[in-house]
N, C-alpha and C. Protein backbone atom coordinates (compact mmCIF):
# COMPACT_ATOMS: atom_id res chain seq x y z
N UNK A 1 25.60 53.43 -42.38
CA UNK A 1 24.42 53.98 -41.69
C UNK A 1 23.81 52.94 -40.74
N UNK A 2 23.72 51.70 -41.26
CA UNK A 2 23.17 50.62 -40.44
C UNK A 2 24.05 50.35 -39.23
N UNK A 3 25.38 50.46 -39.45
CA UNK A 3 26.32 50.23 -38.34
C UNK A 3 26.14 51.28 -37.25
N UNK A 4 25.94 52.53 -37.66
CA UNK A 4 25.72 53.60 -36.68
C UNK A 4 24.43 53.37 -35.89
N UNK A 5 23.40 52.93 -36.61
CA UNK A 5 22.11 52.67 -35.95
C UNK A 5 22.24 51.56 -34.92
N UNK A 6 23.01 50.53 -35.29
CA UNK A 6 23.21 49.41 -34.37
C UNK A 6 23.95 49.86 -33.12
N UNK A 7 24.94 50.74 -33.32
CA UNK A 7 25.71 51.25 -32.17
C UNK A 7 24.81 52.07 -31.25
N UNK A 8 23.95 52.89 -31.87
CA UNK A 8 23.02 53.70 -31.08
C UNK A 8 22.07 52.83 -30.27
N UNK A 9 21.56 51.76 -30.93
CA UNK A 9 20.66 50.85 -30.22
C UNK A 9 21.38 50.21 -29.05
N UNK A 10 22.62 49.80 -29.27
CA UNK A 10 23.40 49.17 -28.21
C UNK A 10 23.63 50.14 -27.04
N UNK A 11 24.00 51.40 -27.39
CA UNK A 11 24.23 52.40 -26.35
C UNK A 11 22.97 52.68 -25.55
N UNK A 12 21.84 52.75 -26.25
CA UNK A 12 20.56 52.98 -25.57
C UNK A 12 20.26 51.84 -24.61
N UNK A 13 20.56 50.61 -25.05
CA UNK A 13 20.29 49.44 -24.20
C UNK A 13 21.13 49.50 -22.94
N UNK A 14 22.43 49.86 -23.10
CA UNK A 14 23.34 49.93 -21.95
C UNK A 14 22.89 51.01 -20.97
N UNK A 15 22.48 52.17 -21.53
CA UNK A 15 22.07 53.28 -20.68
C UNK A 15 20.77 52.95 -19.95
N UNK A 16 19.82 52.35 -20.70
CA UNK A 16 18.50 52.09 -20.13
C UNK A 16 18.49 50.90 -19.19
N UNK A 17 19.22 49.88 -19.59
CA UNK A 17 19.11 48.64 -18.84
C UNK A 17 20.32 48.32 -17.97
N UNK A 18 21.41 49.05 -18.17
CA UNK A 18 22.60 48.74 -17.40
C UNK A 18 23.35 47.57 -18.01
N UNK A 19 24.49 47.24 -17.46
CA UNK A 19 25.29 46.16 -18.01
C UNK A 19 24.63 44.81 -17.74
N UNK A 20 24.96 43.81 -18.56
CA UNK A 20 24.41 42.46 -18.39
C UNK A 20 24.86 41.88 -17.05
N UNK A 21 23.99 41.07 -16.44
CA UNK A 21 24.32 40.46 -15.15
C UNK A 21 25.43 39.43 -15.31
N UNK A 22 26.28 39.38 -14.31
CA UNK A 22 27.32 38.37 -14.26
C UNK A 22 26.94 37.35 -13.18
N UNK A 23 27.57 36.18 -13.19
CA UNK A 23 27.29 35.22 -12.12
C UNK A 23 27.51 35.80 -10.72
N UNK A 24 28.51 36.69 -10.61
CA UNK A 24 28.77 37.32 -9.31
C UNK A 24 27.60 38.20 -8.89
N UNK A 25 27.03 38.92 -9.87
CA UNK A 25 25.87 39.76 -9.58
C UNK A 25 24.70 38.92 -9.06
N UNK A 26 24.49 37.78 -9.71
CA UNK A 26 23.38 36.91 -9.33
C UNK A 26 23.61 36.35 -7.92
N UNK A 27 24.84 35.97 -7.63
CA UNK A 27 25.15 35.45 -6.30
C UNK A 27 24.91 36.52 -5.23
N UNK A 28 25.30 37.75 -5.52
CA UNK A 28 25.07 38.85 -4.57
C UNK A 28 23.58 39.09 -4.37
N UNK A 29 22.83 39.05 -5.47
CA UNK A 29 21.38 39.25 -5.37
C UNK A 29 20.74 38.13 -4.57
N UNK A 30 21.24 36.92 -4.76
CA UNK A 30 20.71 35.76 -4.03
C UNK A 30 20.98 35.91 -2.53
N UNK A 31 22.20 36.36 -2.19
CA UNK A 31 22.56 36.55 -0.79
C UNK A 31 21.66 37.62 -0.15
N UNK A 32 21.40 38.69 -0.89
CA UNK A 32 20.53 39.75 -0.38
C UNK A 32 19.10 39.24 -0.19
N UNK A 33 18.65 38.40 -1.13
CA UNK A 33 17.29 37.84 -1.03
C UNK A 33 17.16 36.96 0.21
N UNK A 34 18.17 36.15 0.48
CA UNK A 34 18.13 35.28 1.65
C UNK A 34 18.00 36.09 2.95
N UNK A 35 18.69 37.22 3.01
CA UNK A 35 18.60 38.09 4.19
C UNK A 35 17.17 38.62 4.32
N UNK A 36 16.57 39.04 3.21
CA UNK A 36 15.20 39.57 3.22
C UNK A 36 14.19 38.52 3.67
N UNK A 37 14.48 37.25 3.36
CA UNK A 37 13.51 36.18 3.62
C UNK A 37 13.66 35.54 5.00
N UNK A 38 14.62 36.00 5.78
CA UNK A 38 14.88 35.38 7.08
C UNK A 38 13.64 35.38 7.99
N UNK A 39 12.88 36.48 7.97
CA UNK A 39 11.70 36.59 8.84
C UNK A 39 10.39 36.42 8.06
N UNK A 40 10.49 36.08 6.79
CA UNK A 40 9.28 35.95 5.96
C UNK A 40 8.57 34.63 6.23
N UNK A 41 7.24 34.58 6.08
CA UNK A 41 6.51 33.31 6.18
C UNK A 41 7.05 32.30 5.17
N UNK A 42 6.98 31.04 5.50
CA UNK A 42 7.56 30.00 4.65
C UNK A 42 6.97 30.03 3.24
N UNK A 43 5.66 30.19 3.13
CA UNK A 43 5.02 30.20 1.81
C UNK A 43 5.56 31.33 0.94
N UNK A 44 5.71 32.51 1.53
CA UNK A 44 6.23 33.66 0.79
C UNK A 44 7.68 33.42 0.37
N UNK A 45 8.48 32.86 1.27
CA UNK A 45 9.89 32.59 0.96
C UNK A 45 10.02 31.62 -0.19
N UNK A 46 9.20 30.57 -0.19
CA UNK A 46 9.24 29.58 -1.28
C UNK A 46 8.86 30.23 -2.61
N UNK A 47 7.79 31.03 -2.60
CA UNK A 47 7.33 31.68 -3.83
C UNK A 47 8.39 32.62 -4.41
N UNK A 48 9.02 33.40 -3.55
CA UNK A 48 10.02 34.36 -4.03
C UNK A 48 11.29 33.66 -4.51
N UNK A 49 11.67 32.58 -3.86
CA UNK A 49 12.85 31.83 -4.30
C UNK A 49 12.59 31.15 -5.64
N UNK A 50 11.38 30.60 -5.82
CA UNK A 50 11.05 29.97 -7.10
C UNK A 50 11.05 30.99 -8.23
N UNK A 51 10.54 32.19 -7.93
CA UNK A 51 10.57 33.26 -8.94
C UNK A 51 12.00 33.65 -9.28
N UNK A 52 12.86 33.76 -8.27
CA UNK A 52 14.28 34.11 -8.49
C UNK A 52 14.97 33.02 -9.32
N UNK A 53 14.66 31.77 -9.00
CA UNK A 53 15.26 30.66 -9.74
C UNK A 53 14.87 30.69 -11.21
N UNK A 54 13.60 30.92 -11.49
CA UNK A 54 13.12 30.97 -12.87
C UNK A 54 13.71 32.14 -13.64
N UNK A 55 13.86 33.27 -12.97
CA UNK A 55 14.42 34.47 -13.62
C UNK A 55 15.90 34.29 -13.94
N UNK A 56 16.58 33.51 -13.12
CA UNK A 56 18.04 33.34 -13.29
C UNK A 56 18.42 31.90 -13.61
N UNK A 57 17.56 31.25 -14.38
CA UNK A 57 17.75 29.82 -14.65
C UNK A 57 19.03 29.49 -15.41
N UNK A 58 19.56 30.45 -16.16
CA UNK A 58 20.76 30.15 -16.96
C UNK A 58 22.06 30.21 -16.15
N UNK A 59 21.94 30.61 -14.90
CA UNK A 59 23.13 30.70 -14.06
C UNK A 59 23.27 29.45 -13.20
N UNK A 60 24.49 29.13 -12.84
CA UNK A 60 24.77 27.88 -12.13
C UNK A 60 24.27 27.89 -10.69
N UNK A 61 23.72 29.01 -10.24
CA UNK A 61 23.24 29.12 -8.86
C UNK A 61 21.98 28.31 -8.60
N UNK A 62 21.37 27.79 -9.66
CA UNK A 62 20.11 27.05 -9.51
C UNK A 62 20.21 25.93 -8.48
N UNK A 63 21.36 25.26 -8.42
CA UNK A 63 21.54 24.18 -7.45
C UNK A 63 21.44 24.67 -6.02
N UNK A 64 22.04 25.83 -5.75
CA UNK A 64 21.96 26.43 -4.41
C UNK A 64 20.52 26.73 -4.02
N UNK A 65 19.76 27.25 -5.00
CA UNK A 65 18.37 27.61 -4.73
C UNK A 65 17.54 26.37 -4.45
N UNK A 66 17.75 25.31 -5.21
CA UNK A 66 16.99 24.06 -5.00
C UNK A 66 17.26 23.50 -3.61
N UNK A 67 18.48 23.61 -3.15
CA UNK A 67 18.83 23.12 -1.81
C UNK A 67 18.07 23.92 -0.74
N UNK A 68 18.01 25.24 -0.92
CA UNK A 68 17.29 26.08 0.02
C UNK A 68 15.79 25.82 -0.05
N UNK A 69 15.27 25.62 -1.27
CA UNK A 69 13.85 25.33 -1.43
C UNK A 69 13.48 24.01 -0.74
N UNK A 70 14.34 23.01 -0.87
CA UNK A 70 14.08 21.72 -0.22
C UNK A 70 14.03 21.90 1.30
N UNK A 71 14.91 22.72 1.84
CA UNK A 71 14.94 22.99 3.28
C UNK A 71 13.64 23.67 3.73
N UNK A 72 13.18 24.64 2.92
CA UNK A 72 11.96 25.37 3.26
C UNK A 72 10.72 24.49 3.14
N UNK A 73 10.71 23.57 2.17
CA UNK A 73 9.55 22.67 2.01
C UNK A 73 9.43 21.73 3.19
N UNK A 74 10.57 21.27 3.70
CA UNK A 74 10.55 20.42 4.89
C UNK A 74 10.02 21.22 6.09
N UNK A 75 10.47 22.47 6.19
CA UNK A 75 10.00 23.35 7.27
C UNK A 75 8.50 23.58 7.16
N UNK A 76 8.01 23.73 5.92
CA UNK A 76 6.58 23.94 5.70
C UNK A 76 5.78 22.73 6.15
N UNK A 77 6.26 21.54 5.81
CA UNK A 77 5.55 20.32 6.17
C UNK A 77 5.49 20.14 7.69
N UNK A 78 6.49 20.65 8.40
CA UNK A 78 6.54 20.48 9.85
C UNK A 78 5.71 21.52 10.59
N UNK A 79 5.08 22.45 9.87
CA UNK A 79 4.26 23.47 10.53
C UNK A 79 2.94 22.90 11.04
N UNK A 80 2.51 21.80 10.46
CA UNK A 80 1.25 21.19 10.90
C UNK A 80 1.47 19.69 11.10
N UNK A 81 0.60 19.10 11.90
CA UNK A 81 0.68 17.66 12.17
C UNK A 81 -0.73 17.13 12.37
N UNK A 82 -1.02 16.01 11.71
CA UNK A 82 -2.34 15.38 11.86
C UNK A 82 -2.23 14.19 12.80
N UNK A 83 -3.02 14.24 13.85
CA UNK A 83 -3.04 13.17 14.84
C UNK A 83 -3.70 11.95 14.21
N UNK A 84 -2.96 10.84 14.06
CA UNK A 84 -3.55 9.66 13.42
C UNK A 84 -4.71 9.06 14.22
N UNK A 85 -4.78 9.38 15.50
CA UNK A 85 -5.82 8.82 16.37
C UNK A 85 -7.14 9.58 16.20
N UNK A 86 -7.08 10.89 16.18
CA UNK A 86 -8.29 11.71 16.12
C UNK A 86 -8.56 12.33 14.75
N UNK A 87 -7.53 12.32 13.88
CA UNK A 87 -7.59 12.95 12.55
C UNK A 87 -7.64 14.47 12.63
N UNK A 88 -7.42 15.04 13.81
CA UNK A 88 -7.34 16.49 13.95
C UNK A 88 -5.99 16.96 13.45
N UNK A 89 -5.98 18.09 12.76
CA UNK A 89 -4.73 18.67 12.27
C UNK A 89 -4.37 19.87 13.14
N UNK A 90 -3.17 19.85 13.70
CA UNK A 90 -2.72 20.86 14.65
C UNK A 90 -1.58 21.71 14.08
N UNK A 91 -1.49 22.95 14.57
CA UNK A 91 -0.26 23.71 14.42
C UNK A 91 0.79 23.01 15.28
N UNK A 92 1.97 22.78 14.75
CA UNK A 92 3.00 22.17 15.60
C UNK A 92 3.54 23.18 16.60
N UNK A 93 3.58 24.45 16.21
CA UNK A 93 4.00 25.52 17.13
C UNK A 93 2.81 26.42 17.39
N UNK A 94 2.63 26.86 18.63
CA UNK A 94 1.50 27.75 18.93
C UNK A 94 1.75 29.15 18.40
N UNK A 95 0.77 30.02 18.55
CA UNK A 95 0.96 31.41 18.17
C UNK A 95 2.14 31.99 18.92
N UNK A 96 2.83 32.94 18.29
CA UNK A 96 4.10 33.42 18.82
C UNK A 96 4.05 34.22 20.10
N UNK A 97 2.88 34.63 20.56
CA UNK A 97 2.77 35.43 21.77
C UNK A 97 1.55 35.01 22.57
N UNK A 98 1.58 35.24 23.87
CA UNK A 98 0.41 34.93 24.70
C UNK A 98 -0.69 35.96 24.43
N UNK A 99 -1.94 35.49 24.44
CA UNK A 99 -3.07 36.34 24.09
C UNK A 99 -4.19 36.18 25.12
N UNK A 100 -5.09 37.16 25.15
CA UNK A 100 -6.31 36.99 25.92
C UNK A 100 -7.17 35.95 25.21
N UNK A 101 -8.17 35.44 25.90
CA UNK A 101 -9.02 34.40 25.32
C UNK A 101 -9.70 34.88 24.04
N UNK A 102 -10.28 36.08 24.08
CA UNK A 102 -10.97 36.62 22.90
C UNK A 102 -10.01 36.78 21.73
N UNK A 103 -8.82 37.32 21.99
CA UNK A 103 -7.84 37.53 20.92
C UNK A 103 -7.31 36.20 20.38
N UNK A 104 -7.16 35.22 21.26
CA UNK A 104 -6.68 33.90 20.82
C UNK A 104 -7.72 33.25 19.90
N UNK A 105 -8.98 33.38 20.27
CA UNK A 105 -10.05 32.83 19.45
C UNK A 105 -10.09 33.51 18.09
N UNK A 106 -9.95 34.82 18.10
CA UNK A 106 -9.93 35.61 16.86
C UNK A 106 -8.74 35.24 16.00
N UNK A 107 -7.59 35.03 16.65
CA UNK A 107 -6.37 34.65 15.92
C UNK A 107 -6.59 33.37 15.12
N UNK A 108 -7.13 32.34 15.77
CA UNK A 108 -7.34 31.06 15.09
C UNK A 108 -8.36 31.19 13.96
N UNK A 109 -9.42 31.95 14.19
CA UNK A 109 -10.45 32.10 13.16
C UNK A 109 -9.94 32.86 11.94
N UNK A 110 -8.93 33.72 12.13
CA UNK A 110 -8.38 34.50 11.02
C UNK A 110 -7.11 33.89 10.43
N UNK A 111 -6.67 32.77 10.99
CA UNK A 111 -5.41 32.17 10.55
C UNK A 111 -5.54 31.50 9.19
N UNK A 112 -4.56 31.76 8.32
CA UNK A 112 -4.41 31.02 7.07
C UNK A 112 -3.02 30.40 7.10
N UNK A 113 -2.95 29.10 7.04
CA UNK A 113 -1.67 28.40 7.13
C UNK A 113 -1.64 27.27 6.12
N UNK A 114 -0.62 27.29 5.26
CA UNK A 114 -0.44 26.29 4.22
C UNK A 114 -1.68 26.15 3.34
N UNK A 115 -2.34 27.27 3.09
CA UNK A 115 -3.50 27.26 2.21
C UNK A 115 -4.82 26.95 2.90
N UNK A 116 -4.78 26.61 4.19
CA UNK A 116 -6.01 26.30 4.94
C UNK A 116 -6.45 27.52 5.75
N UNK A 117 -7.73 27.82 5.71
CA UNK A 117 -8.24 28.98 6.44
C UNK A 117 -9.38 28.60 7.39
N UNK A 118 -9.55 27.30 7.63
CA UNK A 118 -10.65 26.84 8.50
C UNK A 118 -10.14 26.46 9.90
N UNK A 119 -9.12 27.18 10.38
CA UNK A 119 -8.59 26.91 11.71
C UNK A 119 -9.52 27.47 12.78
N UNK A 120 -9.43 26.91 13.98
CA UNK A 120 -10.26 27.36 15.09
C UNK A 120 -9.53 27.06 16.40
N UNK A 121 -10.01 27.68 17.47
CA UNK A 121 -9.49 27.34 18.79
C UNK A 121 -10.06 25.97 19.18
N UNK A 122 -9.25 25.07 19.71
CA UNK A 122 -9.77 23.73 20.05
C UNK A 122 -10.72 23.75 21.25
N UNK A 123 -11.63 22.81 21.25
CA UNK A 123 -12.48 22.62 22.42
C UNK A 123 -11.65 21.94 23.51
N UNK A 124 -12.23 21.88 24.71
CA UNK A 124 -11.56 21.19 25.81
C UNK A 124 -11.31 19.74 25.46
N UNK A 125 -12.30 19.09 24.90
CA UNK A 125 -12.17 17.67 24.53
C UNK A 125 -11.07 17.48 23.48
N UNK A 126 -11.02 18.38 22.50
CA UNK A 126 -10.01 18.25 21.44
C UNK A 126 -8.61 18.45 22.00
N UNK A 127 -8.43 19.47 22.83
CA UNK A 127 -7.08 19.72 23.36
C UNK A 127 -6.64 18.62 24.32
N UNK A 128 -7.57 18.09 25.09
CA UNK A 128 -7.21 16.98 25.98
C UNK A 128 -6.83 15.72 25.19
N UNK A 129 -7.36 15.59 23.96
CA UNK A 129 -7.01 14.43 23.13
C UNK A 129 -5.55 14.45 22.71
N UNK A 130 -4.90 15.63 22.83
CA UNK A 130 -3.49 15.75 22.46
C UNK A 130 -2.56 15.38 23.61
N UNK A 131 -3.11 15.09 24.79
CA UNK A 131 -2.27 14.70 25.92
C UNK A 131 -1.66 13.33 25.67
N UNK A 132 -0.38 13.20 25.97
CA UNK A 132 0.33 11.93 25.81
C UNK A 132 1.03 11.57 27.12
N UNK A 133 1.07 10.28 27.41
CA UNK A 133 1.79 9.80 28.58
C UNK A 133 1.04 9.92 29.89
N UNK A 134 -0.27 10.22 29.81
CA UNK A 134 -1.08 10.34 31.02
C UNK A 134 -2.53 10.04 30.65
N UNK A 135 -3.17 9.14 31.35
CA UNK A 135 -4.56 8.78 31.06
C UNK A 135 -5.47 9.82 31.71
N UNK A 136 -6.26 10.52 30.89
CA UNK A 136 -7.09 11.62 31.41
C UNK A 136 -8.54 11.47 30.97
N UNK A 137 -9.00 10.26 30.85
CA UNK A 137 -10.39 10.05 30.44
C UNK A 137 -11.34 10.50 31.55
N UNK A 138 -12.55 10.92 31.15
CA UNK A 138 -13.53 11.36 32.13
C UNK A 138 -13.52 12.86 32.34
N UNK A 139 -14.35 13.31 33.29
CA UNK A 139 -14.55 14.73 33.48
C UNK A 139 -13.88 15.28 34.75
N UNK A 140 -13.01 14.52 35.35
CA UNK A 140 -12.35 14.96 36.58
C UNK A 140 -11.21 15.92 36.22
N UNK A 141 -11.40 17.22 36.49
CA UNK A 141 -10.39 18.21 36.11
C UNK A 141 -9.10 18.08 36.89
N UNK A 142 -9.16 17.42 38.05
CA UNK A 142 -7.97 17.27 38.86
C UNK A 142 -7.19 16.00 38.54
N UNK A 143 -7.75 15.21 37.64
CA UNK A 143 -7.07 13.97 37.28
C UNK A 143 -5.96 14.27 36.28
N UNK A 144 -4.74 14.11 36.72
CA UNK A 144 -3.60 14.38 35.85
C UNK A 144 -2.45 13.48 36.24
N UNK A 145 -1.23 13.96 36.01
CA UNK A 145 -0.04 13.18 36.33
C UNK A 145 1.01 14.09 36.97
N UNK A 146 2.10 13.49 37.40
CA UNK A 146 3.16 14.23 38.09
C UNK A 146 3.68 15.37 37.21
N UNK A 147 3.79 16.53 37.79
CA UNK A 147 4.20 17.71 37.05
C UNK A 147 5.62 17.57 36.49
N UNK A 148 5.76 17.89 35.19
CA UNK A 148 7.07 17.90 34.56
C UNK A 148 7.64 16.54 34.21
N UNK A 149 6.80 15.49 34.22
CA UNK A 149 7.31 14.15 33.92
C UNK A 149 6.70 13.57 32.65
N UNK A 150 6.23 14.44 31.76
CA UNK A 150 5.66 13.99 30.50
C UNK A 150 6.71 13.42 29.56
N UNK A 151 6.30 12.72 28.51
CA UNK A 151 7.22 12.02 27.62
C UNK A 151 8.00 12.91 26.66
N UNK A 152 7.56 14.16 26.48
CA UNK A 152 8.25 15.06 25.55
C UNK A 152 8.91 16.17 26.34
N UNK A 153 10.14 15.96 26.73
CA UNK A 153 10.90 16.93 27.53
C UNK A 153 10.11 17.37 28.77
N UNK A 154 9.44 16.42 29.40
CA UNK A 154 8.67 16.69 30.60
C UNK A 154 7.26 17.17 30.35
N UNK A 155 6.90 17.33 29.08
CA UNK A 155 5.58 17.85 28.72
C UNK A 155 4.69 16.71 28.25
N UNK A 156 3.41 16.78 28.63
CA UNK A 156 2.46 15.72 28.27
C UNK A 156 1.77 16.01 26.93
N UNK A 157 2.58 16.10 25.87
CA UNK A 157 2.00 16.28 24.53
C UNK A 157 2.81 15.51 23.51
N UNK A 158 2.36 15.44 22.25
CA UNK A 158 3.06 14.66 21.23
C UNK A 158 4.45 15.21 20.94
N UNK A 159 5.34 14.35 20.49
CA UNK A 159 6.70 14.76 20.16
C UNK A 159 6.72 15.78 19.01
N UNK A 160 5.66 15.81 18.22
CA UNK A 160 5.60 16.74 17.09
C UNK A 160 5.32 18.18 17.52
N UNK A 161 4.83 18.36 18.75
CA UNK A 161 4.50 19.70 19.24
C UNK A 161 5.76 20.42 19.72
N UNK A 162 5.73 21.75 19.60
CA UNK A 162 6.78 22.58 20.16
C UNK A 162 6.11 23.75 20.88
N UNK A 163 6.91 24.55 21.58
CA UNK A 163 6.36 25.68 22.32
C UNK A 163 6.61 25.52 23.81
N UNK A 164 6.17 26.51 24.58
CA UNK A 164 6.35 26.48 26.03
C UNK A 164 5.35 25.52 26.65
N UNK A 165 5.84 24.68 27.55
CA UNK A 165 4.98 23.72 28.23
C UNK A 165 4.24 24.45 29.35
N UNK A 166 2.96 24.72 29.13
CA UNK A 166 2.18 25.47 30.11
C UNK A 166 0.69 25.27 29.83
N UNK A 167 -0.14 26.17 30.32
CA UNK A 167 -1.58 26.13 30.05
C UNK A 167 -1.86 26.70 28.67
N UNK A 168 -2.83 26.08 27.97
CA UNK A 168 -3.25 26.56 26.65
C UNK A 168 -4.76 26.76 26.64
N UNK A 169 -5.20 27.76 25.91
CA UNK A 169 -6.63 28.08 25.82
C UNK A 169 -7.43 26.99 25.11
N UNK A 170 -8.68 26.85 25.51
CA UNK A 170 -9.65 26.07 24.74
C UNK A 170 -10.87 26.97 24.52
N UNK A 171 -11.73 26.59 23.60
CA UNK A 171 -12.92 27.39 23.31
C UNK A 171 -14.09 27.04 24.25
N UNK A 172 -13.90 26.00 25.06
CA UNK A 172 -14.95 25.58 25.99
C UNK A 172 -14.96 26.50 27.22
N UNK A 173 -16.15 26.94 27.62
CA UNK A 173 -16.21 27.84 28.76
C UNK A 173 -17.30 27.42 29.74
N UNK A 174 -17.20 27.94 30.94
CA UNK A 174 -18.24 27.79 31.96
C UNK A 174 -18.76 29.19 32.26
N UNK A 175 -19.98 29.28 32.73
CA UNK A 175 -20.56 30.58 33.03
C UNK A 175 -20.36 30.92 34.51
N UNK A 176 -19.76 32.04 34.76
CA UNK A 176 -19.56 32.56 36.11
C UNK A 176 -20.11 33.97 36.13
N UNK A 177 -21.15 34.21 36.95
CA UNK A 177 -21.81 35.52 37.00
C UNK A 177 -22.23 35.95 35.59
N UNK A 178 -22.78 34.97 34.84
CA UNK A 178 -23.28 35.20 33.48
C UNK A 178 -22.20 35.59 32.48
N UNK A 179 -20.94 35.40 32.83
CA UNK A 179 -19.84 35.68 31.91
C UNK A 179 -19.10 34.39 31.59
N UNK A 180 -18.62 34.22 30.35
CA UNK A 180 -17.90 32.99 29.99
C UNK A 180 -16.49 32.97 30.57
N UNK A 181 -16.15 31.90 31.26
CA UNK A 181 -14.80 31.71 31.77
C UNK A 181 -14.26 30.43 31.14
N UNK A 182 -13.24 30.54 30.30
CA UNK A 182 -12.77 29.39 29.52
C UNK A 182 -11.94 28.38 30.32
N UNK A 183 -12.01 27.15 29.86
CA UNK A 183 -11.14 26.10 30.38
C UNK A 183 -9.79 26.18 29.70
N UNK A 184 -8.75 25.83 30.44
CA UNK A 184 -7.41 25.70 29.87
C UNK A 184 -6.87 24.31 30.18
N UNK A 185 -6.04 23.80 29.31
CA UNK A 185 -5.37 22.52 29.55
C UNK A 185 -3.91 22.82 29.87
N UNK A 186 -3.44 22.27 30.98
CA UNK A 186 -2.06 22.48 31.42
C UNK A 186 -1.24 21.23 31.05
N UNK A 187 -0.33 21.38 30.10
CA UNK A 187 0.45 20.23 29.64
C UNK A 187 1.62 19.92 30.55
N UNK A 188 1.79 20.69 31.61
CA UNK A 188 2.82 20.35 32.59
C UNK A 188 2.40 19.19 33.48
N UNK A 189 1.06 19.09 33.75
CA UNK A 189 0.58 18.02 34.62
C UNK A 189 -0.67 17.32 34.06
N UNK A 190 -1.05 17.69 32.81
CA UNK A 190 -2.17 17.07 32.10
C UNK A 190 -3.52 17.35 32.74
N UNK A 191 -3.61 18.38 33.58
CA UNK A 191 -4.89 18.75 34.19
C UNK A 191 -5.54 19.88 33.40
N UNK A 192 -6.84 20.09 33.66
CA UNK A 192 -7.49 21.25 33.06
C UNK A 192 -8.16 22.08 34.14
N UNK A 193 -8.20 23.38 33.90
CA UNK A 193 -8.69 24.31 34.91
C UNK A 193 -9.61 25.34 34.27
N UNK A 194 -10.52 25.88 35.08
CA UNK A 194 -11.49 26.79 34.51
C UNK A 194 -11.55 28.17 35.10
N UNK A 195 -11.41 28.32 36.40
CA UNK A 195 -11.61 29.62 37.02
C UNK A 195 -10.29 30.38 37.08
N UNK A 196 -10.33 31.60 36.59
CA UNK A 196 -9.14 32.44 36.57
C UNK A 196 -9.34 33.65 37.47
N UNK A 197 -8.41 33.89 38.38
CA UNK A 197 -8.50 35.10 39.20
C UNK A 197 -8.18 36.30 38.32
N UNK A 198 -8.93 37.36 38.50
CA UNK A 198 -8.69 38.55 37.69
C UNK A 198 -9.22 38.44 36.28
N UNK A 199 -10.02 37.40 36.00
CA UNK A 199 -10.56 37.24 34.65
C UNK A 199 -11.43 38.45 34.29
N UNK A 200 -11.37 38.97 33.02
CA UNK A 200 -10.55 38.45 31.94
C UNK A 200 -9.33 39.31 31.60
N UNK A 201 -9.19 40.48 32.23
CA UNK A 201 -8.25 41.48 31.71
C UNK A 201 -6.78 41.08 31.79
N UNK A 202 -6.37 40.37 32.85
CA UNK A 202 -4.94 40.14 33.03
C UNK A 202 -4.54 38.69 32.79
N UNK A 203 -5.32 37.96 32.03
CA UNK A 203 -4.99 36.56 31.77
C UNK A 203 -4.59 36.36 30.31
N UNK A 204 -3.34 35.98 30.13
CA UNK A 204 -2.78 35.75 28.80
C UNK A 204 -2.27 34.32 28.74
N UNK A 205 -2.59 33.63 27.65
CA UNK A 205 -2.13 32.26 27.45
C UNK A 205 -1.85 32.07 25.95
N UNK A 206 -1.03 31.08 25.59
CA UNK A 206 -0.86 30.76 24.17
C UNK A 206 -2.04 29.94 23.65
N UNK A 207 -2.16 29.85 22.34
CA UNK A 207 -3.20 29.02 21.74
C UNK A 207 -2.57 28.20 20.61
N UNK A 208 -3.01 26.96 20.49
CA UNK A 208 -2.57 26.09 19.39
C UNK A 208 -3.82 25.78 18.57
N UNK A 209 -3.86 26.34 17.37
CA UNK A 209 -5.06 26.22 16.54
C UNK A 209 -5.18 24.81 15.95
N UNK A 210 -6.40 24.45 15.60
CA UNK A 210 -6.70 23.11 15.10
C UNK A 210 -7.70 23.21 13.94
N UNK A 211 -7.73 22.19 13.13
CA UNK A 211 -8.74 22.12 12.07
C UNK A 211 -9.12 20.65 11.86
N UNK A 212 -10.27 20.45 11.20
CA UNK A 212 -10.73 19.08 10.94
C UNK A 212 -11.46 18.50 12.13
N UNK A 213 -11.77 17.25 12.03
CA UNK A 213 -12.38 16.54 13.14
C UNK A 213 -13.88 16.63 13.24
N UNK A 214 -14.51 17.39 12.36
CA UNK A 214 -15.99 17.52 12.43
C UNK A 214 -16.67 16.36 11.71
């Protein structure tokens, strides 16, 4: 009688839970997970991989997962950079699309990156502090350097920065006809500019958010 009961329990387990996982099953699941995580934020990818590793700890695939986790942690660390000169912490890559000034400001204020949620659009002074290879002290907006001859692939910014070398938004504005017109810093020639033709509807620029420095 006990033997029959044991067989029934076993059959119920097989029907309800399916067959036990094999190493091949785990490898296939891991491959599928990697495909799912290709476009996922780094933090989410790390969390899901760690969960997968813990769930399948008895399988030899753990080494593969640790290698991928190490790669993602390095990628996470490279998402931000702290300028040793100003102590400002920057996004190394700007937002993925060009935005209007209002939307760019909103983007930075709503950004959460690596656990930090106090990001903001940089002021003119802060963004100019990121210029490298060209002396731009003072308030002369036309004072810059030769276009396309900056130290980072022709761009006048730190080697840690990535993105398109062009004008970037700042939160500093001037009043024109009682409306705010923002300054932009152009990293192609290290100059800054304020007046935009067609402002504000048809002007789109990238933004590189910043935190700290207060």
